[in-house]
Protein backbone atom coordinates (compact mmCIF):
# COMPACT_ATOMS: atom_id res chain seq x y z
CA UNK A 1 100.48 -22.14 31.58
CA UNK A 2 97.80 -24.22 29.93
CA UNK A 3 95.44 -23.45 32.80
CA UNK A 4 95.94 -19.73 32.29
CA UNK A 5 95.27 -20.09 28.58
CA UNK A 6 92.16 -22.09 29.29
CA UNK A 7 90.91 -19.46 31.69
CA UNK A 8 91.65 -16.70 29.17
CA UNK A 9 89.77 -18.60 26.46
CA UNK A 10 86.83 -19.16 28.82
CA UNK A 11 86.80 -15.42 29.70
CA UNK A 12 86.67 -14.42 26.04
CA UNK A 13 83.91 -16.87 25.29
CA UNK A 14 81.86 -15.60 28.20
CA UNK A 15 82.43 -12.00 27.11
CA UNK A 16 81.12 -12.41 23.56
CA UNK A 17 77.41 -11.60 23.16
CA UNK A 18 75.62 -11.96 19.81
CA UNK A 19 72.48 -9.82 19.45
CA UNK A 20 70.05 -10.82 16.70
CA UNK A 21 68.40 -8.32 14.38
CA UNK A 22 65.19 -6.90 15.83
CA UNK A 23 66.37 -7.16 19.43
CA UNK A 24 68.29 -4.99 21.86
CA UNK A 25 70.11 -5.99 25.07
CA UNK A 26 70.59 -3.70 28.05
CA UNK A 27 74.04 -3.91 29.63
CA UNK A 28 74.34 -3.41 33.39
CA UNK A 29 77.46 -2.67 35.44
CA UNK A 30 76.96 -3.95 38.97
CA UNK A 31 73.19 -3.63 38.45
CA UNK A 32 73.27 -0.17 36.90
CA UNK A 33 72.27 0.39 33.27
CA UNK A 34 75.20 1.61 31.23
CA UNK A 35 74.39 1.01 27.53
CA UNK A 36 72.33 -0.84 24.92
CA UNK A 37 73.88 -3.67 22.92
CA UNK A 38 73.10 -3.30 19.24
CA UNK A 39 72.49 -6.23 16.84
CA UNK A 40 75.68 -8.13 15.98
CA UNK A 41 78.90 -8.82 17.92
CA UNK A 42 79.19 -7.28 21.36
CA UNK A 43 81.99 -7.71 23.97
CA UNK A 44 80.63 -7.77 27.51
CA UNK A 45 83.28 -8.71 30.12
CA UNK A 46 81.82 -11.12 32.66
CA UNK A 47 81.78 -10.64 36.45
CA UNK A 48 81.71 -6.86 36.00
CA UNK A 49 79.01 -6.47 33.28
CA UNK A 50 75.99 -8.50 32.47
CA UNK A 51 72.96 -8.49 30.14
CA UNK A 52 70.02 -7.01 31.97
CA UNK A 53 66.93 -7.25 29.62
CA UNK A 54 66.40 -8.62 26.15
CA UNK A 55 63.97 -6.25 24.42
CA UNK A 56 62.01 -7.11 21.26
CA UNK A 57 62.11 -4.05 19.00
CA UNK A 58 59.73 -5.40 16.34
CA UNK A 59 56.05 -4.41 16.16
CA UNK A 60 54.01 -6.71 18.33
CA UNK A 61 50.34 -7.61 18.74
CA UNK A 62 48.60 -7.87 22.07
CA UNK A 63 45.13 -9.39 22.34
CA UNK A 64 42.62 -7.70 24.62
CA UNK A 65 40.42 -10.41 26.16
CA UNK A 66 36.63 -10.15 26.06
CA UNK A 67 35.16 -7.52 28.35
CA UNK A 68 31.62 -6.98 29.60
CA UNK A 69 30.87 -3.28 29.21
CA UNK A 70 27.77 -1.32 30.20
CA UNK A 71 26.97 1.40 27.68
CA UNK A 72 25.52 4.82 28.40
CA UNK A 73 21.96 3.55 27.82
CA UNK A 74 22.52 0.61 30.25
CA UNK A 75 23.00 -2.11 27.62
CA UNK A 76 25.42 -4.92 28.45
CA UNK A 77 27.73 -5.76 25.55
CA UNK A 78 30.79 -7.98 25.14
CA UNK A 79 33.86 -6.44 23.49
CA UNK A 80 37.34 -7.67 22.59
CA UNK A 81 40.15 -6.13 20.57
CA UNK A 82 43.83 -6.01 19.67
CA UNK A 83 46.65 -3.54 20.27
CA UNK A 84 49.65 -3.09 17.95
CA UNK A 85 52.73 -1.52 19.56
CA UNK A 86 56.47 -1.14 19.04
CA UNK A 87 59.27 -0.42 21.48
CA UNK A 88 61.25 2.65 20.46
CA UNK A 89 63.44 3.11 23.57
CA UNK A 90 64.65 -0.21 25.04
CA UNK A 91 66.04 1.40 28.20
CA UNK A 92 62.68 2.98 29.11
CA UNK A 93 60.78 -0.18 28.19
CA UNK A 94 63.13 -2.17 30.47
CA UNK A 95 63.35 0.13 33.49
CA UNK A 96 60.35 2.52 33.43
CA UNK A 97 57.66 -0.17 33.77
CA UNK A 98 57.76 -3.45 35.63
CA UNK A 99 55.81 -5.62 33.15
CA UNK A 100 55.35 -3.96 29.80
CA UNK A 101 52.81 -6.42 28.36
CA UNK A 102 50.58 -6.46 31.44
CA UNK A 103 50.71 -2.68 31.68
CA UNK A 104 49.66 -2.18 28.07
CA UNK A 105 46.82 -4.69 28.43
CA UNK A 106 45.52 -3.12 31.63
CA UNK A 107 45.73 0.36 30.13
CA UNK A 108 43.90 -0.70 26.94
CA UNK A 109 41.17 -2.54 28.89
CA UNK A 110 40.38 0.32 31.22
CA UNK A 111 40.31 2.89 28.42
CA UNK A 112 38.12 0.59 26.33
CA UNK A 113 35.59 0.51 29.15
CA UNK A 114 35.79 4.27 29.56
CA UNK A 115 35.35 5.11 25.89
CA UNK A 116 32.54 2.65 25.12
CA UNK A 117 30.80 3.28 28.42
CA UNK A 118 30.31 6.92 27.45
CA UNK A 119 28.45 5.99 24.23
CA UNK A 120 25.01 4.63 23.45
CA UNK A 121 24.54 1.15 22.04
CA UNK A 122 23.79 2.45 18.55
CA UNK A 123 26.93 4.59 18.64
CA UNK A 124 29.13 1.68 19.73
CA UNK A 125 27.83 -0.38 16.81
CA UNK A 126 28.12 2.32 14.17
CA UNK A 127 31.18 4.33 15.26
CA UNK A 128 34.01 1.83 15.46
CA UNK A 129 36.44 4.16 13.71
CA UNK A 130 35.78 6.83 16.31
CA UNK A 131 36.26 4.32 19.14
CA UNK A 132 39.55 3.11 17.65
CA UNK A 133 40.82 6.66 17.19
CA UNK A 134 39.99 7.67 20.77
CA UNK A 135 41.59 4.53 22.22
CA UNK A 136 44.73 5.03 20.13
CA UNK A 137 45.14 8.62 21.28
CA UNK A 138 44.66 7.83 24.97
CA UNK A 139 46.79 4.67 25.14
CA UNK A 140 49.61 6.09 23.01
CA UNK A 141 49.87 9.17 25.22
CA UNK A 142 50.03 7.02 28.35
CA UNK A 143 52.71 4.65 27.00
CA UNK A 144 54.99 7.39 25.67
CA UNK A 145 56.84 7.47 29.00
CA UNK A 146 57.61 3.75 28.61
CA UNK A 147 59.39 4.20 25.29
CA UNK A 148 56.52 2.46 23.45
CA UNK A 149 54.63 3.61 20.36
CA UNK A 150 51.04 2.39 20.01
CA UNK A 151 50.54 2.07 16.26
CA UNK A 152 46.96 0.80 16.14
CA UNK A 153 44.05 -0.17 18.38
CA UNK A 154 41.21 -2.17 16.85
CA UNK A 155 37.91 -3.38 18.30
CA UNK A 156 37.49 -6.90 16.93
CA UNK A 157 33.99 -7.82 17.99
CA UNK A 158 30.99 -6.26 19.72
CA UNK A 159 28.38 -8.71 21.02
CA UNK A 160 25.04 -7.18 22.11
CA UNK A 161 22.58 -9.29 24.13
CA UNK A 162 20.32 -11.70 22.25
CA UNK A 163 17.10 -9.81 23.05
CA UNK A 164 18.61 -6.56 21.79
CA UNK A 165 19.75 -8.30 18.61
CA UNK A 166 16.21 -9.61 18.06
CA UNK A 167 14.75 -6.15 18.66
CA UNK A 168 17.23 -4.60 16.26
CA UNK A 169 16.36 -7.24 13.66
CA UNK A 170 12.66 -6.48 13.96
CA UNK A 171 13.37 -2.75 13.78
CA UNK A 172 15.48 -3.18 10.65
CA UNK A 173 12.76 -5.33 9.07
CA UNK A 174 10.12 -2.71 9.90
CA UNK A 175 12.28 0.05 8.44
CA UNK A 176 12.82 -1.89 5.23
CA UNK A 177 9.11 -2.66 4.91
CA UNK A 178 8.36 1.00 5.50
CA UNK A 179 10.77 2.06 2.77
CA UNK A 180 9.33 -0.57 0.45
CA UNK A 181 5.78 0.71 1.04
CA UNK A 182 6.92 4.30 0.50
CA UNK A 183 8.62 3.37 -2.76
CA UNK A 184 5.55 1.41 -3.86
CA UNK A 185 3.29 4.37 -3.05
CA UNK A 186 5.61 6.71 -4.94
CA UNK A 187 5.54 4.37 -7.92
CA UNK A 188 1.72 4.19 -7.84
CA UNK A 189 1.51 7.98 -7.59
CA UNK A 190 3.84 8.47 -10.54
CA UNK A 191 1.89 5.88 -12.51
CA UNK A 192 -1.41 7.65 -11.80
CA UNK A 193 0.12 11.00 -12.74
CA UNK A 194 1.42 9.63 -16.02
CA UNK A 195 -1.91 7.93 -16.75
CA UNK A 196 -3.79 11.17 -16.04
CA UNK A 197 -1.39 13.11 -18.25
CA UNK A 198 -1.96 10.58 -21.02
CA UNK A 199 -5.74 10.83 -20.70
CA UNK A 200 -5.47 14.61 -20.69
CA UNK A 201 -3.42 14.61 -23.88
CA UNK A 202 -5.80 12.12 -25.44
CA UNK A 203 -8.82 14.28 -24.62
CA UNK A 204 -7.05 17.37 -25.94
CA UNK A 205 -6.20 15.63 -29.20
CA UNK A 206 -9.74 14.22 -29.45
CA UNK A 207 -11.23 17.67 -28.87
CA UNK A 208 -8.94 19.15 -31.48
CA UNK A 209 -9.96 16.40 -33.91
CA UNK A 210 -13.66 17.04 -33.26
CA UNK A 211 -13.13 20.75 -33.70
CA UNK A 212 -11.31 20.17 -36.98
CA UNK A 213 -14.03 17.80 -38.17
CA UNK A 214 -16.75 20.27 -37.22
CA UNK A 215 -14.86 22.99 -39.07
CA UNK A 216 -14.54 20.80 -42.16
CA UNK A 217 -18.21 19.81 -42.04
CA UNK A 218 -19.26 23.43 -41.63
CA UNK A 219 -17.03 24.40 -44.52
CA UNK A 220 -18.51 21.60 -46.66
CA UNK A 221 -22.06 22.69 -45.79
CA UNK A 222 -21.14 26.27 -46.56
CA UNK A 223 -19.77 25.30 -49.95
CA UNK A 224 -22.82 23.10 -50.66
CA UNK A 225 -25.09 25.97 -49.70
CA UNK A 226 -23.13 28.35 -51.92
CA UNK A 227 -23.38 25.88 -54.81
CA UNK A 228 -27.12 25.46 -54.22
CA UNK A 229 -27.54 29.22 -54.02
CA UNK A 230 -25.59 29.67 -57.25
CA UNK A 231 -27.70 27.03 -59.01
CA UNK A 232 -30.90 28.58 -57.72
CA UNK A 233 -29.74 32.01 -58.84
CA UNK A 234 -28.95 30.70 -62.32
CA UNK A 235 -32.39 29.10 -62.58
CA UNK A 236 -34.02 32.26 -61.26
CA UNK A 237 -32.17 34.36 -63.80
CA UNK A 238 -33.21 32.00 -66.59
CA UNK A 239 -36.87 32.15 -65.47
CA UNK A 240 -36.73 35.90 -65.21
CA UNK A 241 -35.36 35.98 -68.77
CA UNK A 242 -38.46 34.06 -69.94
CA UNK A 243 -36.82 30.68 -70.60
CA UNK A 244 -39.30 27.83 -70.12
CA UNK A 245 -36.61 25.20 -70.50
CA UNK A 246 -35.14 26.17 -67.16
CA UNK A 247 -38.47 25.56 -65.42
CA UNK A 248 -38.91 22.24 -67.19
CA UNK A 249 -35.36 21.18 -66.33
CA UNK A 250 -35.81 22.10 -62.69
CA UNK A 251 -39.16 20.24 -62.40
CA UNK A 252 -37.81 17.21 -64.26
CA UNK A 253 -34.81 17.01 -61.97
CA UNK A 254 -36.97 17.03 -58.85
CA UNK A 255 -39.29 14.49 -60.46
CA UNK A 256 -36.47 12.08 -61.21
CA UNK A 257 -35.04 12.49 -57.72
CA UNK A 258 -38.41 11.73 -56.11
CA UNK A 259 -38.86 8.72 -58.37
CA UNK A 260 -35.44 7.41 -57.39
CA UNK A 261 -36.25 7.75 -53.72
CA UNK A 262 -39.45 5.74 -54.19
CA UNK A 263 -37.56 3.05 -56.05
CA UNK A 264 -34.85 2.67 -53.42
CA UNK A 265 -37.19 2.63 -50.42
CA UNK A 266 -36.44 -0.50 -48.29
CA UNK A 267 -40.10 -0.93 -47.26
CA UNK A 268 -41.66 -0.76 -50.73
CA UNK A 269 -41.59 -3.87 -52.89
CA UNK A 270 -44.20 -2.61 -55.39
CA UNK A 271 -45.03 1.02 -56.23
CA UNK A 272 -48.23 2.03 -58.11
CA UNK A 273 -48.24 5.26 -60.08
CA UNK A 274 -51.84 6.43 -60.94
CA UNK A 275 -50.76 8.26 -64.07
CA UNK A 276 -51.36 7.66 -67.75
CA UNK A 277 -48.60 6.33 -69.91
CA UNK A 278 -48.94 9.23 -72.32
CA UNK A 279 -48.40 11.70 -69.50
CA UNK A 280 -45.29 9.80 -68.37
CA UNK A 281 -43.98 9.62 -71.93
CA UNK A 282 -44.75 13.29 -72.40
CA UNK A 283 -42.81 14.17 -69.32
CA UNK A 284 -39.85 12.07 -70.42
CA UNK A 285 -40.08 13.60 -73.88
CA UNK A 286 -40.03 17.07 -72.36
CA UNK A 287 -36.89 16.15 -70.45
CA UNK A 288 -35.31 14.90 -73.66
CA UNK A 289 -36.18 18.09 -75.54
CA UNK A 290 -34.77 20.11 -72.65
CA UNK A 291 -31.54 18.19 -72.81
CA UNK A 292 -31.29 18.72 -76.57
CA UNK A 293 -31.84 22.40 -76.12
CA UNK A 294 -29.17 22.55 -73.45
CA UNK A 295 -26.53 20.70 -75.51
CA UNK A 296 -27.51 22.52 -78.73
CA UNK A 297 -29.03 19.60 -80.68
CA UNK A 298 -31.62 20.19 -83.44
CA UNK A 299 -35.19 19.53 -82.36
CA UNK A 300 -36.90 16.81 -84.48
CA UNK A 301 -40.40 17.43 -85.96
CA UNK A 302 -43.16 16.24 -83.71
CA UNK A 303 -45.39 13.33 -84.82
CA UNK A 304 -49.13 13.82 -85.31
CA UNK A 305 -51.06 13.55 -82.14
CA UNK A 306 -52.40 10.10 -81.48
CA UNK A 307 -55.58 9.42 -79.69
CA UNK A 308 -55.13 9.01 -75.98
CA UNK A 309 -55.46 5.53 -74.78
CA UNK A 310 -55.69 4.13 -71.39
CA UNK A 311 -52.52 2.31 -70.49
CA UNK A 312 -51.81 -0.12 -67.81
CA UNK A 313 -50.49 1.20 -64.61
CA UNK A 314 -46.76 0.47 -64.66
CA UNK A 315 -45.37 -1.68 -61.91
CA UNK A 316 -41.92 -0.92 -60.63
CA UNK A 317 -40.40 -3.70 -58.67
CA UNK A 318 -38.40 -2.54 -55.71
């Protein structure tokens, strides 16, 4: 009786299967797939049923080893990448492909060669997003029959040959120097344009200033000429009216002006006037009488004439 109980207990223990979260077990009946064991407690009678495959249902990462690829323009480059995938149908993943991981790696490697081999070197270096998108579409379509979803394909590293890297470095340096020279030339051109505009404005303003000054000078000369003409007309009218004081005033004014010019001459230290003192005094007296007549003062009686005497020649120190 105890032996039967022991065998029954051993049968129950062997029939209990615990499936962890994130995994699925395939159950086979005499080698034929019958169902999928879900996470948790599962009763699988021994001898008649057994666990076939343990499938990881979580998203997994598969590294693509480095590959030597020849591009469309015959450049040899080294490429490696990663593939992210997730099993959606454990039965297909277990029974539709012999080795799921090897199959995905081989499929990703061959398609990586195909995609990058159809592109130039410059395209492979600058169009990684396009490469990733094309690889994802091709590999995901091929693995759909295996119950696998390819979520992402990424190219990790692209290694061009050393001589090509050096050539690309020199090309980049030349391009940058070219852009720098272009920018410097543009700056010089703008500077010259601004300088020329400034000189143009300066010349315009200077010409306008000269024109305004010439206009003012012409206006001043015109007014001076009008004043001179008015004065001359007044004197002429006075002479025509028979006034001798106007003639005397006009002559005296010119006399005094000429005398002042002689006195202020920078080259003359001593000026000799070959005139008699009485004549000079008479002239000054005439100017005084003219002034009194102009301002309306009463003329004083003249003194008796005195005999003319020779006077010294006056000396005017300059």
